[in-house]
PDB file of N, CA and C in Angstrom:
ATOM      1  N   MET A   1      27.673  -1.869  47.281  1.00  0.00           N
ATOM      2  CA  MET A   1      27.850  -1.022  45.985  1.00  0.00           C
ATOM      3  C   MET A   1      28.640   0.212  46.343  1.00  0.00           C
ATOM      4  N   MET A   2      29.774   0.732  45.834  1.00  0.00           N
ATOM      5  CA  MET A   2      30.492   1.860  45.995  1.00  0.00           C
ATOM      6  C   MET A   2      29.973   3.017  45.292  1.00  0.00           C
ATOM      7  N   LYS A   3      30.030   4.031  45.764  1.00  0.00           N
ATOM      8  CA  LYS A   3      29.754   5.362  45.108  1.00  0.00           C
ATOM      9  C   LYS A   3      30.910   6.177  45.188  1.00  0.00           C
ATOM     10  N   TYR A   4      31.368   6.938  44.090  1.00  0.00           N
ATOM     11  CA  TYR A   4      32.360   7.788  43.976  1.00  0.00           C
ATOM     12  C   TYR A   4      31.987   9.039  43.050  1.00  0.00           C
ATOM     13  N   ARG A   5      32.338  10.321  43.521  1.00  0.00           N
ATOM     14  CA  ARG A   5      31.959  11.400  42.778  1.00  0.00           C
ATOM     15  C   ARG A   5      32.858  11.522  41.558  1.00  0.00           C
ATOM     16  N   VAL A   6      32.340  11.829  40.435  1.00  0.00           N
ATOM     17  CA  VAL A   6      32.877  11.886  39.106  1.00  0.00           C
ATOM     18  C   VAL A   6      32.643  13.324  38.628  1.00  0.00           C
ATOM     19  N   ILE A   7      33.688  13.958  38.058  1.00  0.00           N
ATOM     20  CA  ILE A   7      33.623  15.260  37.661  1.00  0.00           C
ATOM     21  C   ILE A   7      33.713  15.155  36.004  1.00  0.00           C
ATOM     22  N   LEU A   8      32.840  15.699  35.311  1.00  0.00           N
ATOM     23  CA  LEU A   8      32.648  15.714  33.911  1.00  0.00           C
ATOM     24  C   LEU A   8      32.850  17.082  33.497  1.00  0.00           C
ATOM     25  N   GLU A   9      33.834  17.206  32.397  1.00  0.00           N
ATOM     26  CA  GLU A   9      34.111  18.534  31.843  1.00  0.00           C
ATOM     27  C   GLU A   9      34.041  18.337  30.297  1.00  0.00           C
ATOM     28  N   GLN A  10      33.419  19.267  29.648  1.00  0.00           N
ATOM     29  CA  GLN A  10      33.398  19.246  28.117  1.00  0.00           C
ATOM     30  C   GLN A  10      34.615  20.197  27.702  1.00  0.00           C
ATOM     31  N   ASP A  11      35.544  19.791  26.860  1.00  0.00           N
ATOM     32  CA  ASP A  11      36.561  20.551  26.223  1.00  0.00           C
ATOM     33  C   ASP A  11      36.091  21.386  25.008  1.00  0.00           C
ATOM     34  N   GLU A  12      36.863  22.187  24.559  1.00  0.00           N
ATOM     35  CA  GLU A  12      36.609  23.064  23.258  1.00  0.00           C
ATOM     36  C   GLU A  12      36.370  22.120  22.093  1.00  0.00           C
ATOM     37  N   ASP A  13      36.784  21.041  21.974  1.00  0.00           N
ATOM     38  CA  ASP A  13      36.571  20.214  20.889  1.00  0.00           C
ATOM     39  C   ASP A  13      35.125  19.374  21.082  1.00  0.00           C
ATOM     40  N   GLY A  14      34.601  19.507  22.232  1.00  0.00           N
ATOM     41  CA  GLY A  14      33.388  18.623  22.501  1.00  0.00           C
ATOM     42  C   GLY A  14      33.577  17.336  23.179  1.00  0.00           C
ATOM     43  N   VAL A  15      34.731  17.079  23.525  1.00  0.00           N
ATOM     44  CA  VAL A  15      35.065  15.689  24.238  1.00  0.00           C
ATOM     45  C   VAL A  15      34.894  15.961  25.607  1.00  0.00           C
ATOM     46  N   TYR A  16      34.244  14.931  26.269  1.00  0.00           N
ATOM     47  CA  TYR A  16      34.085  14.895  27.728  1.00  0.00           C
ATOM     48  C   TYR A  16      35.151  14.166  28.402  1.00  0.00           C
ATOM     49  N   ALA A  17      35.792  14.909  29.369  1.00  0.00           N
ATOM     50  CA  ALA A  17      36.808  14.383  30.321  1.00  0.00           C
ATOM     51  C   ALA A  17      36.072  14.026  31.669  1.00  0.00           C
ATOM     52  N   ALA A  18      36.499  12.909  32.195  1.00  0.00           N
ATOM     53  CA  ALA A  18      35.993  12.457  33.505  1.00  0.00           C
ATOM     54  C   ALA A  18      37.099  12.199  34.449  1.00  0.00           C
ATOM     55  N   GLN A  19      36.877  12.581  35.616  1.00  0.00           N
ATOM     56  CA  GLN A  19      37.859  12.258  36.752  1.00  0.00           C
ATOM     57  C   GLN A  19      37.151  12.039  37.961  1.00  0.00           C
ATOM     58  N   VAL A  20      37.892  11.101  38.932  1.00  0.00           N
ATOM     59  CA  VAL A  20      37.430  10.698  40.231  1.00  0.00           C
ATOM     60  C   VAL A  20      38.365  11.379  41.089  1.00  0.00           C
ATOM     61  N   PRO A  21      37.949  12.391  41.814  1.00  0.00           N
ATOM     62  CA  PRO A  21      38.878  13.025  42.968  1.00  0.00           C
ATOM     63  C   PRO A  21      39.360  11.925  43.872  1.00  0.00           C
ATOM     64  N   ALA A  22      38.484  10.989  44.373  1.00  0.00           N
ATOM     65  CA  ALA A  22      38.985  10.120  45.472  1.00  0.00           C
ATOM     66  C   ALA A  22      39.945   9.104  44.968  1.00  0.00           C
ATOM     67  N   LEU A  23      40.061   9.032  43.636  1.00  0.00           N
ATOM     68  CA  LEU A  23      40.921   8.033  43.171  1.00  0.00           C
ATOM     69  C   LEU A  23      41.967   8.652  42.231  1.00  0.00           C
ATOM     70  N   PRO A  24      43.153   9.023  42.755  1.00  0.00           N
ATOM     71  CA  PRO A  24      44.131   9.807  42.003  1.00  0.00           C
ATOM     72  C   PRO A  24      44.473   9.070  40.681  1.00  0.00           C
ATOM     73  N   ALA A  25      44.521   9.930  39.656  1.00  0.00           N
ATOM     74  CA  ALA A  25      44.875   9.529  38.321  1.00  0.00           C
ATOM     75  C   ALA A  25      43.941   8.508  37.580  1.00  0.00           C
ATOM     76  N   CYS A  26      42.693   8.662  38.289  1.00  0.00           N
ATOM     77  CA  CYS A  26      41.567   7.844  37.676  1.00  0.00           C
ATOM     78  C   CYS A  26      40.790   8.762  36.797  1.00  0.00           C
ATOM     79  N   ILE A  27      41.174   8.672  35.532  1.00  0.00           N
ATOM     80  CA  ILE A  27      40.528   9.539  34.380  1.00  0.00           C
ATOM     81  C   ILE A  27      40.189   8.865  33.226  1.00  0.00           C
ATOM     82  N   SER A  28      39.273   9.381  32.496  1.00  0.00           N
ATOM     83  CA  SER A  28      38.912   8.762  31.162  1.00  0.00           C
ATOM     84  C   SER A  28      38.260   9.882  30.408  1.00  0.00           C
ATOM     85  N   GLN A  29      37.791   9.586  29.239  1.00  0.00           N
ATOM     86  CA  GLN A  29      37.166  10.457  28.433  1.00  0.00           C
ATOM     87  C   GLN A  29      36.122   9.737  27.274  1.00  0.00           C
ATOM     88  N   GLY A  30      35.432  10.637  26.709  1.00  0.00           N
ATOM     89  CA  GLY A  30      34.478  10.043  25.835  1.00  0.00           C
ATOM     90  C   GLY A  30      33.962  11.151  24.794  1.00  0.00           C
ATOM     91  N   ALA A  31      33.525  10.654  23.607  1.00  0.00           N
ATOM     92  CA  ALA A  31      33.031  11.746  22.453  1.00  0.00           C
ATOM     93  C   ALA A  31      31.723  12.197  22.992  1.00  0.00           C
ATOM     94  N   SER A  32      30.941  11.597  23.862  1.00  0.00           N
ATOM     95  CA  SER A  32      29.652  12.028  24.463  1.00  0.00           C
ATOM     96  C   SER A  32      29.835  11.828  25.979  1.00  0.00           C
ATOM     97  N   ARG A  33      28.687  12.533  26.566  1.00  0.00           N
ATOM     98  CA  ARG A  33      28.654  12.457  28.078  1.00  0.00           C
ATOM     99  C   ARG A  33      28.435  11.003  28.491  1.00  0.00           C
ATOM    100  N   ASP A  34      27.499  10.278  27.773  1.00  0.00           N
ATOM    101  CA  ASP A  34      27.191   8.901  28.212  1.00  0.00           C
ATOM    102  C   ASP A  34      28.498   8.018  27.930  1.00  0.00           C
ATOM    103  N   GLU A  35      29.227   8.129  26.844  1.00  0.00           N
ATOM    104  CA  GLU A  35      30.271   7.495  26.605  1.00  0.00           C
ATOM    105  C   GLU A  35      31.493   7.631  27.676  1.00  0.00           C
ATOM    106  N   ALA A  36      31.638   8.930  28.136  1.00  0.00           N
ATOM    107  CA  ALA A  36      32.516   9.326  29.170  1.00  0.00           C
ATOM    108  C   ALA A  36      32.098   8.588  30.442  1.00  0.00           C
ATOM    109  N   ILE A  37      30.866   8.652  30.779  1.00  0.00           N
ATOM    110  CA  ILE A  37      30.423   7.879  31.972  1.00  0.00           C
ATOM    111  C   ILE A  37      30.632   6.487  31.917  1.00  0.00           C
ATOM    112  N   LYS A  38      30.484   5.887  30.870  1.00  0.00           N
ATOM    113  CA  LYS A  38      30.618   4.358  30.772  1.00  0.00           C
ATOM    114  C   LYS A  38      32.185   4.084  30.831  1.00  0.00           C
ATOM    115  N   ASN A  39      32.908   4.953  30.271  1.00  0.00           N
ATOM    116  CA  ASN A  39      34.417   4.621  30.178  1.00  0.00           C
ATOM    117  C   ASN A  39      34.955   5.005  31.546  1.00  0.00           C
ATOM    118  N   ILE A  40      34.433   5.861  32.380  1.00  0.00           N
ATOM    119  CA  ILE A  40      34.925   6.201  33.641  1.00  0.00           C
ATOM    120  C   ILE A  40      34.407   5.144  34.657  1.00  0.00           C
ATOM    121  N   HIS A  41      33.326   4.500  34.479  1.00  0.00           N
ATOM    122  CA  HIS A  41      32.781   3.424  35.222  1.00  0.00           C
ATOM    123  C   HIS A  41      33.732   2.236  35.179  1.00  0.00           C
ATOM    124  N   GLU A  42      34.215   1.961  33.705  1.00  0.00           N
ATOM    125  CA  GLU A  42      35.086   0.758  33.610  1.00  0.00           C
ATOM    126  C   GLU A  42      36.514   1.278  34.326  1.00  0.00           C
ATOM    127  N   ALA A  43      37.017   2.402  34.233  1.00  0.00           N
ATOM    128  CA  ALA A  43      38.187   2.832  34.803  1.00  0.00           C
ATOM    129  C   ALA A  43      38.236   2.616  36.196  1.00  0.00           C
ATOM    130  N   ILE A  44      37.055   3.069  36.843  1.00  0.00           N
ATOM    131  CA  ILE A  44      36.983   2.871  38.483  1.00  0.00           C
ATOM    132  C   ILE A  44      37.099   1.555  38.864  1.00  0.00           C
ATOM    133  N   GLU A  45      36.364   0.578  38.051  1.00  0.00           N
ATOM    134  CA  GLU A  45      36.472  -0.888  38.465  1.00  0.00           C
ATOM    135  C   GLU A  45      37.843  -1.390  38.352  1.00  0.00           C
ATOM    136  N   VAL A  46      38.560  -1.041  37.304  1.00  0.00           N
ATOM    137  CA  VAL A  46      39.903  -1.469  36.951  1.00  0.00           C
ATOM    138  C   VAL A  46      40.840  -0.783  38.187  1.00  0.00           C
ATOM    139  N   TYR A  47      40.482   0.367  38.483  1.00  0.00           N
ATOM    140  CA  TYR A  47      41.308   0.955  39.643  1.00  0.00           C
ATOM    141  C   TYR A  47      41.215   0.290  40.830  1.00  0.00           C
ATOM    142  N   LEU A  48      39.958  -0.029  41.320  1.00  0.00           N
ATOM    143  CA  LEU A  48      39.583  -0.731  42.465  1.00  0.00           C
ATOM    144  C   LEU A  48      40.128  -2.190  42.495  1.00  0.00           C
ATOM    145  N   GLU A  49      40.189  -2.816  41.425  1.00  0.00           N
ATOM    146  CA  GLU A  49      40.725  -4.299  41.305  1.00  0.00           C
ATOM    147  C   GLU A  49      42.330  -4.218  41.521  1.00  0.00           C
ATOM    148  N   SER A  50      42.885  -3.206  41.049  1.00  0.00           N
ATOM    149  CA  SER A  50      44.312  -3.072  41.125  1.00  0.00           C
ATOM    150  C   SER A  50      44.633  -2.719  42.640  1.00  0.00           C
ATOM    151  N   LEU A  51      43.923  -1.822  43.261  1.00  0.00           N
ATOM    152  CA  LEU A  51      44.121  -1.612  44.721  1.00  0.00           C
ATOM    153  C   LEU A  51      44.076  -2.817  45.615  1.00  0.00           C
ATOM    154  N   LYS A  52      42.863  -3.580  45.197  1.00  0.00           N
ATOM    155  CA  LYS A  52      42.758  -4.881  45.982  1.00  0.00           C
ATOM    156  C   LYS A  52      44.008  -5.910  45.727  1.00  0.00           C
ATOM    157  N   GLU A  53      44.351  -6.067  44.449  1.00  0.00           N
ATOM    158  CA  GLU A  53      45.474  -6.974  44.173  1.00  0.00           C
ATOM    159  C   GLU A  53      46.687  -6.465  44.897  1.00  0.00           C
ATOM    160  N   HIS A  54      47.006  -5.306  45.195  1.00  0.00           N
ATOM    161  CA  HIS A  54      48.201  -4.897  45.734  1.00  0.00           C
ATOM    162  C   HIS A  54      47.988  -4.679  47.219  1.00  0.00           C
ATOM    163  N   GLY A  55      46.757  -4.930  47.720  1.00  0.00           N
ATOM    164  CA  GLY A  55      46.601  -4.870  49.229  1.00  0.00           C
ATOM    165  C   GLY A  55      46.561  -3.525  49.502  1.00  0.00           C
ATOM    166  N   GLU A  56      46.206  -2.547  48.821  1.00  0.00           N
ATOM    167  CA  GLU A  56      46.039  -1.150  49.054  1.00  0.00           C
ATOM    168  C   GLU A  56      44.618  -0.785  49.611  1.00  0.00           C
ATOM    169  N   PRO A  57      44.591   0.141  50.475  1.00  0.00           N
ATOM    170  CA  PRO A  57      42.945   0.402  51.138  1.00  0.00           C
ATOM    171  C   PRO A  57      42.163   1.082  50.032  1.00  0.00           C
ATOM    172  N   ILE A  58      40.981   0.817  49.913  1.00  0.00           N
ATOM    173  CA  ILE A  58      39.867   1.083  49.130  1.00  0.00           C
ATOM    174  C   ILE A  58      39.251   2.502  49.611  1.00  0.00           C
ATOM    175  N   PRO A  59      39.410   3.516  48.921  1.00  0.00           N
ATOM    176  CA  PRO A  59      38.715   4.723  49.476  1.00  0.00           C
ATOM    177  C   PRO A  59      37.383   4.564  49.791  1.00  0.00           C
ATOM    178  N   PRO A  60      36.841   5.309  50.818  1.00  0.00           N
ATOM    179  CA  PRO A  60      35.352   4.993  51.236  1.00  0.00           C
ATOM    180  C   PRO A  60      34.356   5.575  50.129  1.00  0.00           C
ATOM    181  N   SER A  61      33.276   4.934  50.088  1.00  0.00           N
ATOM    182  CA  SER A  61      32.274   5.367  49.312  1.00  0.00           C
ATOM    183  C   SER A  61      31.620   6.642  49.883  1.00  0.00           C
ATOM    184  N   ILE A  62      31.040   7.494  48.952  1.00  0.00           N
ATOM    185  CA  ILE A  62      30.456   8.700  49.396  1.00  0.00           C
ATOM    186  C   ILE A  62      28.952   8.634  49.691  1.00  0.00           C
ATOM    187  N   SER A  63      28.412   9.407  50.319  1.00  0.00           N
ATOM    188  CA  SER A  63      27.011   9.521  50.596  1.00  0.00           C
ATOM    189  C   SER A  63      26.632  11.017  50.428  1.00  0.00           C
ATOM    190  N   GLU A  64      25.958  11.298  49.411  1.00  0.00           N
ATOM    191  CA  GLU A  64      25.547  12.779  49.324  1.00  0.00           C
ATOM    192  C   GLU A  64      24.225  12.870  48.525  1.00  0.00           C
ATOM    193  N   GLU A  65      23.647  14.036  48.643  1.00  0.00           N
ATOM    194  CA  GLU A  65      22.459  14.267  48.029  1.00  0.00           C
ATOM    195  C   GLU A  65      22.599  15.592  47.218  1.00  0.00           C
ATOM    196  N   VAL A  66      22.136  15.765  45.974  1.00  0.00           N
ATOM    197  CA  VAL A  66      22.045  16.944  45.373  1.00  0.00           C
ATOM    198  C   VAL A  66      20.600  17.689  45.421  1.00  0.00           C
ATOM    199  N   ILE A  67      20.835  18.888  45.875  1.00  0.00           N
ATOM    200  CA  ILE A  67      19.600  19.679  46.098  1.00  0.00           C
ATOM    201  C   ILE A  67      19.549  20.666  44.852  1.00  0.00           C
ATOM    202  N   GLU A  68      18.228  20.715  44.212  1.00  0.00           N
ATOM    203  CA  GLU A  68      18.056  21.690  43.255  1.00  0.00           C
ATOM    204  C   GLU A  68      17.224  22.832  43.748  1.00  0.00           C
ATOM    205  N   VAL A  69      17.535  24.053  43.460  1.00  0.00           N
ATOM    206  CA  VAL A  69      16.850  25.116  43.906  1.00  0.00           C
ATOM    207  C   VAL A  69      16.590  26.134  42.758  1.00  0.00           C
ATOM    208  N   ALA A  70      15.294  26.548  42.704  1.00  0.00           N
ATOM    209  CA  ALA A  70      15.030  27.578  41.636  1.00  0.00           C
ATOM    210  C   ALA A  70      15.706  28.867  41.979  1.00  0.00           C
ATOM    211  N   SER A  71      16.227  29.528  40.851  1.00  0.00           N
ATOM    212  CA  SER A  71      16.915  30.892  41.090  1.00  0.00           C
ATOM    213  C   SER A  71      16.005  31.977  40.538  1.00  0.00           C
TER     214      SER A  71
END
């Protein structure tokens, strides 16, 4: 199972844009956060399939933790 960082941003119209920094030009969007996540998940799968088909290297999976701290 591969893991990639996804950046989600909501624009002024309420649409969520999603991008994957490790996969150049792998972007998607959705009317809701859940829809954007679903769409970027599909985009990542297609992106990785294309890399495999063209014999390109697959960017490494990430391993990270998110730490929450009270402010």
